[in-house]
C-alpha atoms as a PDB file:
ATOM      1  CA  MET A   1      93.986  87.579  78.103  1.00  0.00           C
ATOM      2  CA  ARG A   2      90.770  89.301  77.778  1.00  0.00           C
ATOM      3  CA  GLU A   3      89.847  92.932  77.713  1.00  0.00           C
ATOM      4  CA  GLN A   4      86.420  94.110  79.069  1.00  0.00           C
ATOM      5  CA  TYR A   5      84.542  97.293  78.395  1.00  0.00           C
ATOM      6  CA  GLN A   6      81.044  96.844  79.954  1.00  0.00           C
ATOM      7  CA  ALA A   7      79.972  98.785  83.109  1.00  0.00           C
ATOM      8  CA  GLY A   8      80.470  96.727  86.294  1.00  0.00           C
ATOM      9  CA  ALA A   9      83.175  94.506  84.819  1.00  0.00           C
ATOM     10  CA  MET A  10      86.084  94.060  87.265  1.00  0.00           C
ATOM     11  CA  ILE A  11      89.469  92.502  87.657  1.00  0.00           C
ATOM     12  CA  LYS A  12      91.330  91.263  90.821  1.00  0.00           C
ATOM     13  CA  GLY A  13      94.983  90.564  91.484  1.00  0.00           C
ATOM     14  CA  GLU A  14      98.028  91.256  93.731  1.00  0.00           C
ATOM     15  CA  GLN A  15      99.389  93.910  91.456  1.00  0.00           C
ATOM     16  CA  ILE A  16      97.427  95.896  88.760  1.00  0.00           C
ATOM     17  CA  ALA A  17      99.299  98.456  86.546  1.00  0.00           C
ATOM     18  CA  VAL A  18      97.055 101.579  85.812  1.00  0.00           C
ATOM     19  CA  LYS A  19      97.146 104.491  83.179  1.00  0.00           C
ATOM     20  CA  ALA A  20      94.820 107.332  82.999  1.00  0.00           C
ATOM     21  CA  ARG A  21      94.635 111.053  82.110  1.00  0.00           C
ATOM     22  CA  SER A  22      93.948 111.708  85.803  1.00  0.00           C
ATOM     23  CA  ILE A  23      94.514 109.575  88.987  1.00  0.00           C
ATOM     24  CA  ARG A  24      93.096 110.699  92.379  1.00  0.00           C
ATOM     25  CA  LYS A  25      94.016 108.826  95.526  1.00  0.00           C
ATOM     26  CA  GLN A  26      92.054 108.811  98.676  1.00  0.00           C
ATOM     27  CA  ALA A  27      92.694 106.689 102.033  1.00  0.00           C
ATOM     28  CA  HIS A  28      89.600 105.369 103.860  1.00  0.00           C
ATOM     29  CA  PRO A  29      89.096 102.833 106.718  1.00  0.00           C
ATOM     30  CA  VAL A  30      87.210  99.408 105.969  1.00  0.00           C
ATOM     31  CA  LYS A  31      86.220  96.778 108.419  1.00  0.00           C
ATOM     32  CA  GLN A  32      87.733  93.350 107.737  1.00  0.00           C
ATOM     33  CA  ASN A  33      87.221  90.357 110.147  1.00  0.00           C
ATOM     34  CA  GLY A  34      86.403  92.632 112.949  1.00  0.00           C
ATOM     35  CA  LYS A  35      89.429  94.897 112.455  1.00  0.00           C
ATOM     36  CA  THR A  36      89.544  98.403 110.715  1.00  0.00           C
ATOM     37  CA  VAL A  37      92.058  98.211 107.969  1.00  0.00           C
ATOM     38  CA  ARG A  38      93.340 101.154 105.847  1.00  0.00           C
ATOM     39  CA  ARG A  39      92.623 100.871 102.131  1.00  0.00           C
ATOM     40  CA  ILE A  40      93.442 103.233  99.534  1.00  0.00           C
ATOM     41  CA  SER A  41      90.930 104.004  96.576  1.00  0.00           C
ATOM     42  CA  ALA A  42      91.903 105.553  93.290  1.00  0.00           C
ATOM     43  CA  LYS A  43      89.608 107.151  90.834  1.00  0.00           C
ATOM     44  CA  LEU A  44      90.950 106.904  87.189  1.00  0.00           C
ATOM     45  CA  ALA A  45      89.304 109.190  84.671  1.00  0.00           C
ATOM     46  CA  GLY A  46      89.891 110.052  80.902  1.00  0.00           C
ATOM     47  CA  THR A  47      90.261 106.733  79.038  1.00  0.00           C
ATOM     48  CA  ALA A  48      91.697 104.687  81.881  1.00  0.00           C
ATOM     49  CA  TYR A  49      93.427 101.381  81.489  1.00  0.00           C
ATOM     50  CA  CYS A  50      94.184  98.645  83.941  1.00  0.00           C
ATOM     51  CA  VAL A  51      96.048  95.363  83.553  1.00  0.00           C
ATOM     52  CA  ILE A  52      96.855  92.533  85.956  1.00  0.00           C
ATOM     53  CA  GLU A  53     100.612  91.993  86.319  1.00  0.00           C
ATOM     54  CA  SER A  54     101.117  89.359  88.958  1.00  0.00           C
ATOM     55  CA  GLN A  55      99.059  86.797  91.164  1.00  0.00           C
ATOM     56  CA  PRO A  56      95.651  87.172  89.696  1.00  0.00           C
ATOM     57  CA  ALA A  57      92.583  86.023  91.702  1.00  0.00           C
ATOM     58  CA  ALA A  58      90.691  82.809  90.851  1.00  0.00           C
ATOM     59  CA  ALA A  59      88.964  83.299  87.441  1.00  0.00           C
ATOM     60  CA  TYR A  60      91.439  85.872  86.318  1.00  0.00           C
ATOM     61  CA  ASN A  61      94.663  85.709  84.219  1.00  0.00           C
ATOM     62  CA  ILE A  62      97.710  87.739  83.962  1.00  0.00           C
ATOM     63  CA  GLY A  63      97.093  90.192  81.173  1.00  0.00           C
ATOM     64  CA  ASP A  64      93.391  90.661  81.810  1.00  0.00           C
ATOM     65  CA  SER A  65      92.544  94.255  81.331  1.00  0.00           C
ATOM     66  CA  LEU A  66      89.803  96.937  81.557  1.00  0.00           C
ATOM     67  CA  LYS A  67      89.455  99.958  79.377  1.00  0.00           C
ATOM     68  CA  ALA A  68      86.904 102.796  80.244  1.00  0.00           C
ATOM     69  CA  GLU A  69      86.222 106.495  80.855  1.00  0.00           C
ATOM     70  CA  ILE A  70      86.175 106.107  84.545  1.00  0.00           C
ATOM     71  CA  ILE A  71      87.511 103.181  86.678  1.00  0.00           C
ATOM     72  CA  ASN A  72      87.397 102.918  90.450  1.00  0.00           C
ATOM     73  CA  GLY A  73      90.396 100.952  92.060  1.00  0.00           C
ATOM     74  CA  ILE A  74      91.000  99.823  95.668  1.00  0.00           C
ATOM     75  CA  ALA A  75      94.136  98.424  96.977  1.00  0.00           C
ATOM     76  CA  ASP A  76      96.321  98.001 100.258  1.00  0.00           C
ATOM     77  CA  LYS A  77      98.995 100.328  98.710  1.00  0.00           C
ATOM     78  CA  ILE A  78      99.164 102.613  95.669  1.00  0.00           C
ATOM     79  CA  GLY A  79     102.582 103.385  94.204  1.00  0.00           C
ATOM     80  CA  PRO A  80     103.739 106.925  93.384  1.00  0.00           C
ATOM     81  CA  ILE A  81     101.984 108.638  90.482  1.00  0.00           C
ATOM     82  CA  LYS A  82     104.365 109.214  87.546  1.00  0.00           C
ATOM     83  CA  VAL A  83     103.653 111.479  84.599  1.00  0.00           C
ATOM     84  CA  SER A  84     104.803 109.978  81.342  1.00  0.00           C
ATOM     85  CA  ALA A  85     106.317 112.536  79.039  1.00  0.00           C
ATOM     86  CA  LYS A  86     106.311 109.946  76.135  1.00  0.00           C
ATOM     87  CA  GLU A  87     102.487 109.527  76.039  1.00  0.00           C
ATOM     88  CA  GLY A  88      99.963 112.357  75.535  1.00  0.00           C
ATOM     89  CA  THR A  89     100.419 115.785  74.228  1.00  0.00           C
ATOM     90  CA  GLY A  90     100.769 119.224  76.002  1.00  0.00           C
ATOM     91  CA  ARG A  91      98.593 119.308  79.031  1.00  0.00           C
ATOM     92  CA  HIS A  92      97.071 115.864  78.329  1.00  0.00           C
ATOM     93  CA  LYS A  93      99.973 113.844  79.787  1.00  0.00           C
ATOM     94  CA  ILE A  94      99.241 110.335  80.893  1.00  0.00           C
ATOM     95  CA  GLN A  95      99.725 109.303  84.608  1.00  0.00           C
ATOM     96  CA  THR A  96     100.797 105.828  85.642  1.00  0.00           C
ATOM     97  CA  THR A  97     100.986 103.882  88.887  1.00  0.00           C
ATOM     98  CA  HIS A  98     100.585 100.438  90.381  1.00  0.00           C
ATOM     99  CA  LEU A  99      97.870  99.221  92.698  1.00  0.00           C
ATOM    100  CA  ASN A 100      99.615  96.715  95.174  1.00  0.00           C
ATOM    101  CA  GLY A 101      98.140  94.192  97.588  1.00  0.00           C
ATOM    102  CA  ASP A 102      94.646  92.590  96.962  1.00  0.00           C
ATOM    103  CA  ALA A 103      93.865  95.120  94.255  1.00  0.00           C
ATOM    104  CA  ILE A 104      90.419  95.437  92.614  1.00  0.00           C
ATOM    105  CA  CYS A 105      89.436  97.579  89.567  1.00  0.00           C
ATOM    106  CA  VAL A 106      85.809  98.181  88.507  1.00  0.00           C
ATOM    107  CA  ILE A 107      84.429 100.106  85.630  1.00  0.00           C
ATOM    108  CA  GLU A 108      82.121 102.873  86.612  1.00  0.00           C
ATOM    109  CA  ARG A 109      81.547 104.583  83.142  1.00  0.00           C
ATOM    110  CA  PRO A 110      82.342 102.669  79.944  1.00  0.00           C
ATOM    111  CA  LEU A 111      83.882 104.433  76.934  1.00  0.00           C
ATOM    112  CA  ARG A 112      81.478 106.568  74.992  1.00  0.00           C
ATOM    113  CA  TYR A 113      81.389 104.617  71.842  1.00  0.00           C
ATOM    114  CA  ILE A 114      80.648 101.388  73.722  1.00  0.00           C
ATOM    115  CA  ARG A 115      77.735 103.118  75.505  1.00  0.00           C
ATOM    116  CA  GLU A 116      76.309 104.539  72.235  1.00  0.00           C
ATOM    117  CA  ALA A 117      76.666 101.011  70.577  1.00  0.00           C
ATOM    118  CA  LEU A 118      74.779  99.300  73.338  1.00  0.00           C
ATOM    119  CA  SER A 119      71.984 101.868  73.538  1.00  0.00           C
ATOM    120  CA  SER A 120      71.448 101.595  69.671  1.00  0.00           C
ATOM    121  CA  GLN A 121      71.170  97.711  70.051  1.00  0.00           C
ATOM    122  CA  GLN A 122      68.565  98.035  72.736  1.00  0.00           C
ATOM    123  CA  LYS A 123      66.455 100.424  70.559  1.00  0.00           C
ATOM    124  CA  ASN A 124      66.403  97.887  67.771  1.00  0.00           C
END
């Protein structure tokens, strides 16, 4: 199990569990092997977290995860978005769902303290 924080880091698997403050779904067509296939993308914002739950792709393991401010996910199906009453406070409830069927998650914007640490290392 490894947790990744850098921009561009990604995970692949058959089923990925997702948590974030905001989850937005959008369907779009993609060409695969000469056919047009409908894939669904999800934009996760506000300290998003993804973890592989089943059938990871090569070079990945069950339990590998991503944590960032913004994560993009693409899958064949996305389950219903559930609002968790146990996590978060007031209007900052946490939303959860599952990405199913050849799912991929990629970090678009890392956590703020990771970005600041990397920029301070580059200055030195």
